[in-house]
Amino acid sequence: MRWGGQQLEAEDADALPGLASRHDLVRSVQTPEFAGITFHEVLAKSALNHVPGSSNALPFGWTINPYRGCSHACVFCLDPETLVLMADGRQRPIWMVKPGDEVYGTQVVGRYRRFVKTRVLAHWSTRKRGYRISLGDGTQVVASADHRFLTDRGWKHVRGSMAGADQRPYLTVNNKLMGFGLNGLEQAYQAPIHTREYRLGYLTGMIRGDGMIFHKSYSGADGRVRPIHRFRLALTDAEGVNRTRLYLQMEGIETLTRPYLIATDQHRAMTAIHTAREAQVEAIERLIWWPPEPSDQWLTGYLAGIFDAEGSCSQGVLRIANRDPKIIRMIELAMETLRVAYVNEGPNRIGVSYIRVSGGLPSRARFFELTVPAITRKLDIAGRAVKTDADLRVVSIEDLGVEMDMIDIQTGTGDFIANGVISHNCFARKTHEYLDLDSGKDFDTQIVVKVNVAEVLAKELARPSWGHHPVALGTNTDPYQRAEGRYRLMPGIIAALAASGTPFSILTKGTLLRRDLPLLQAAAERVPVDVAMTIDVFDAELREQVEPGAPTTEARLATVRAVKEAGLNVSVFMMPVLPYLTDSIAHLDTALSQIADAGADSVAYSALHLRPGAREWYWAGLEREHPELVPRYREVFGTGSYAAKEYRAWLAKRIRPLLRKHDLERQPRIDPATGVVRADIVGAIRDATLQPLRGASGADVAGAGLIAAELPAHAAAGIQPTLF
C-alpha cells in the first residue's frame, strides 16, 4: 500500500469528541488509494462486544468489530458551482448550501413523482475526476463518474460499463434526464437586484400594481381648503412591503410602517407602508413614470414588482392579473425582452387580463431566476409533478481529464435538484451517531479503525474468566471491507481466536476474505470455524441500486468456491430478501442454482428487516427507484420494522422447496420441542451458553421466514442491507 501523499488531518482527541470519549484517537489519515475517505486510527479499549439480551437466542454471545463505518459505499459529487433549487424557489450554488437548509427533492405520490421540500442533512467535499454532461436545452452539469441522475429509465451513473467490475447503469447519448433544466439561466446570485434601473422598475410594477396615491382637498369647519396627499402600500407578504420600503429609502423617501389588517379566520394579516408628506408623494410619482425606452434591467425589475403585487402561482401555473392596458402591455414587452414564454388570457367579462407564463417549469424557472421577486410564497412548487417539455436529452458526456474540487449534500428524500435535473445523493445509516458522527456521509467516509484490536483481543481471550464462547465477526460492519486491504487487522484477530481455542464465525460480502484462507484453514484445525458470504441480489442492475460499492455477485460466488476448495464449510446468506424485488420464483431459483454450483453447503434467508434509521432511507430509495412498489410495501410493513407474519410465511413456503431442490437446506437450529438452540448443530462448541428463544413456540418457528431458527451460527439480528 502506497503511503506517499497521505495527509494527517488530526492528531488529538479534540478533533472528534465522540471518538475521544470512547477510544484514544491516534491520528486521522487520508490517502490517494481511498479518495474522499478519512481513516480515524484509534486505540480500542476493548475488542469483544457482548451481544445484548435481545439477541441471546443466537448461538453466539460475543462479537468483534474492527471497523466502524464501511468503505464499500460510493461517494457522489458535483462541481461546487452547481445550482441547487432551494425551498424558497431560488437557486443557490451547492458550495453555499449547508446542513439545515431547506431544498427541493422529489418523492412519488400516487402515479407521479412530485417536488417536495426536504432538509439538507450533510454537506461535504472531495476531489474527483470531472465529467461535463450537456443536454439538448443547453443545460450543463459537471459531476464525478459515480454521480447518478434520474432518467426516464431510472437512475444512471455518469460512467459505467456493460460488463466486468465496473458494470452498472450509466448515461449514454439520448438518455433523457428528469427535471426542468436550466435553459441557459443566469445564476440567481448574479441577478441585478441592486442596480438603480432594477429598483425603479420594481417600484413601478409594485406601486402601479397594488399601491395607492392620491391628492385631494377638503374644506374645514373654518371654510379653509386643505390639501391631502397620500401614498400607501398594503400587502399580506412582508417581503414585498420591506423591499419597497428599502428601495424608496434608497431614493431618499422615508415611509412609516403600521399594521393595516388584523388576521382573522377569513383572511391573513396585512402590513402597510405610507406617507402623507406632499414632497414624498410627488417624488414617488416621479419614480414610477413610464420610461419612454425602458432598459432590460428596468423591465426585469418591473416584472418582479408587478408579480409581487398582482401575481399568483397556483398548482404550478404562474399568472399576473390587471385591468390597466398600459400595465398589461408593459408586462408583455418585458416577457418578450427577457424571452419568457407567455399567453395573454383576457380581457375577461370584467375587463381583467391574465398574463400566464407558458412552457412549463423551464419558463417558470427562467422567470424567477431573471426577475428574482421578493415574495417567496409565490415561488412554491411543492406537490408539482415532475413533468417538462424541455429537451433534457443527453447530447454529450465529456471527460474533463482533471481532478477537481467537488461537493455533495445529503437530503431527507435522498435527492435534490441540481442545475434543474434530479440528482441522487448519498444514503445514510445511523451507525455512526453514537460517535458524534452523522449517519450519512460520515458512515461512508469517516472510517474508525481499531488499529490495536488484535493485541487487545489477545489479552481479553487470555483472561481466566473467558469461557471460550463462540464469537461472530461481521454482525455490524464488514470485517473484509476495502479498508482491510490497508490495515490487515483480520490476520491478527484470526490468530488470537485460534490460539485461545475460541470458535468463531465470519460473515462478509468482501472478496478480500480469500487473502486469509490459509490462516482460516490453520484455525479450523484447532477450533470450529464458520464462514458465510452475503449474496442477496442476483440481478446486476438491481444490485447496483441496492449496494453500489460492494463486490459483484460473480466475485462473491467465486469467493464461495475458493472457500469450499480450501476445505472449509461455507454458507450463503440470502439476506435480505427484498419483497417484490428478489422474491420471485425465477430470481430465487436462479440464485440458489448459482449458489449450489459455487459449492455452498447451505443457504440462510430472511425477509427485509428495517430498524429505525435504516427504514427511512430504504423507503426514500424505494420511492425513487421503484415507486410502483410503495403501496405493496405499506401492506407488508405497515409502520413497523418487520415484514408481516403472513408475508414471512408466504416467503418460507416459496423458498423451502427450492432449498430442497438445490440441496441447500440447513437443519433447524431451534428444537421445536424445547425452544432451545440445538448444541449438536452448533458443532462441538464447548461451554456455549444457549438460551431459550423467548416467546417462540414450535409453530412460530416453523411458520416464519425471519426467525432465529433460520439463522446459522454467524447470524446477527443487527445485519442491515446497504440501502438504495
Foldseek 3Di string as FASTA:
>chain_A
DDDPPKDWDDQACVVFVLCVVFWGFGTWIDDPVQWLFIETATAGPFFWDADDPLFQQFLFGIAGEQKFFFQLFDAKWWDQQWWFAFQLQATDRLVPDAFQGKGWAWFDDPPFIFIAIWTFHHKDKTKAFWKWWAFPLGFITIIHQQWWFQFPQGIAGCDADCDDFRHEHHDDFQTFFFFAFQSPADHQVPAPCPDLLLLLLLLLQQCVQAKDWDKDWDADPVRDIDIWTKIKGKDLFVQLQVSNQVSLVVVVAHWDKDWDAPDDPVDGTMIMTMDGDPVNRVVSVVSNDDDPDRDLSSLLSNLLNNCVRAWAADLNKIKGKDQDPVSVVSPVVNCVVLVFAWDWADDDPVRMIIIIGDQGPNSVSNSCSRNVHRGSVRSHRGPHGRDGPRRRGGRDMGRPPDMDMTMFTQILLQWTAISRGIIGGWFFFCSCVSSVDHGTVCSNRYMYGNLCSLVSLLVVLPDPPDPLREYFYDLAHAPQGPCCVVRVPVLSNLVSSLVSLHEYEHEHQHLCVLVCLVSVLVSVVRYHYEYEYEDAFDDSHVCCLFRVSTGDNVSSLLSLLSNVVSVHAYEYENPEHEPPHQLDLVNLLVVLVSNLVSPHQAYFYAHAFADPRSVSRQLSSCRRGPVVCVVVVCVQAVPHGHGDLVVQLVSCVSNPVSRVVSNRDDAFQADLVFQKGDPVSLPPSPPRDIDGDPPDHSVNVVRGRHDSRRDPSNHYPNDHTRHD
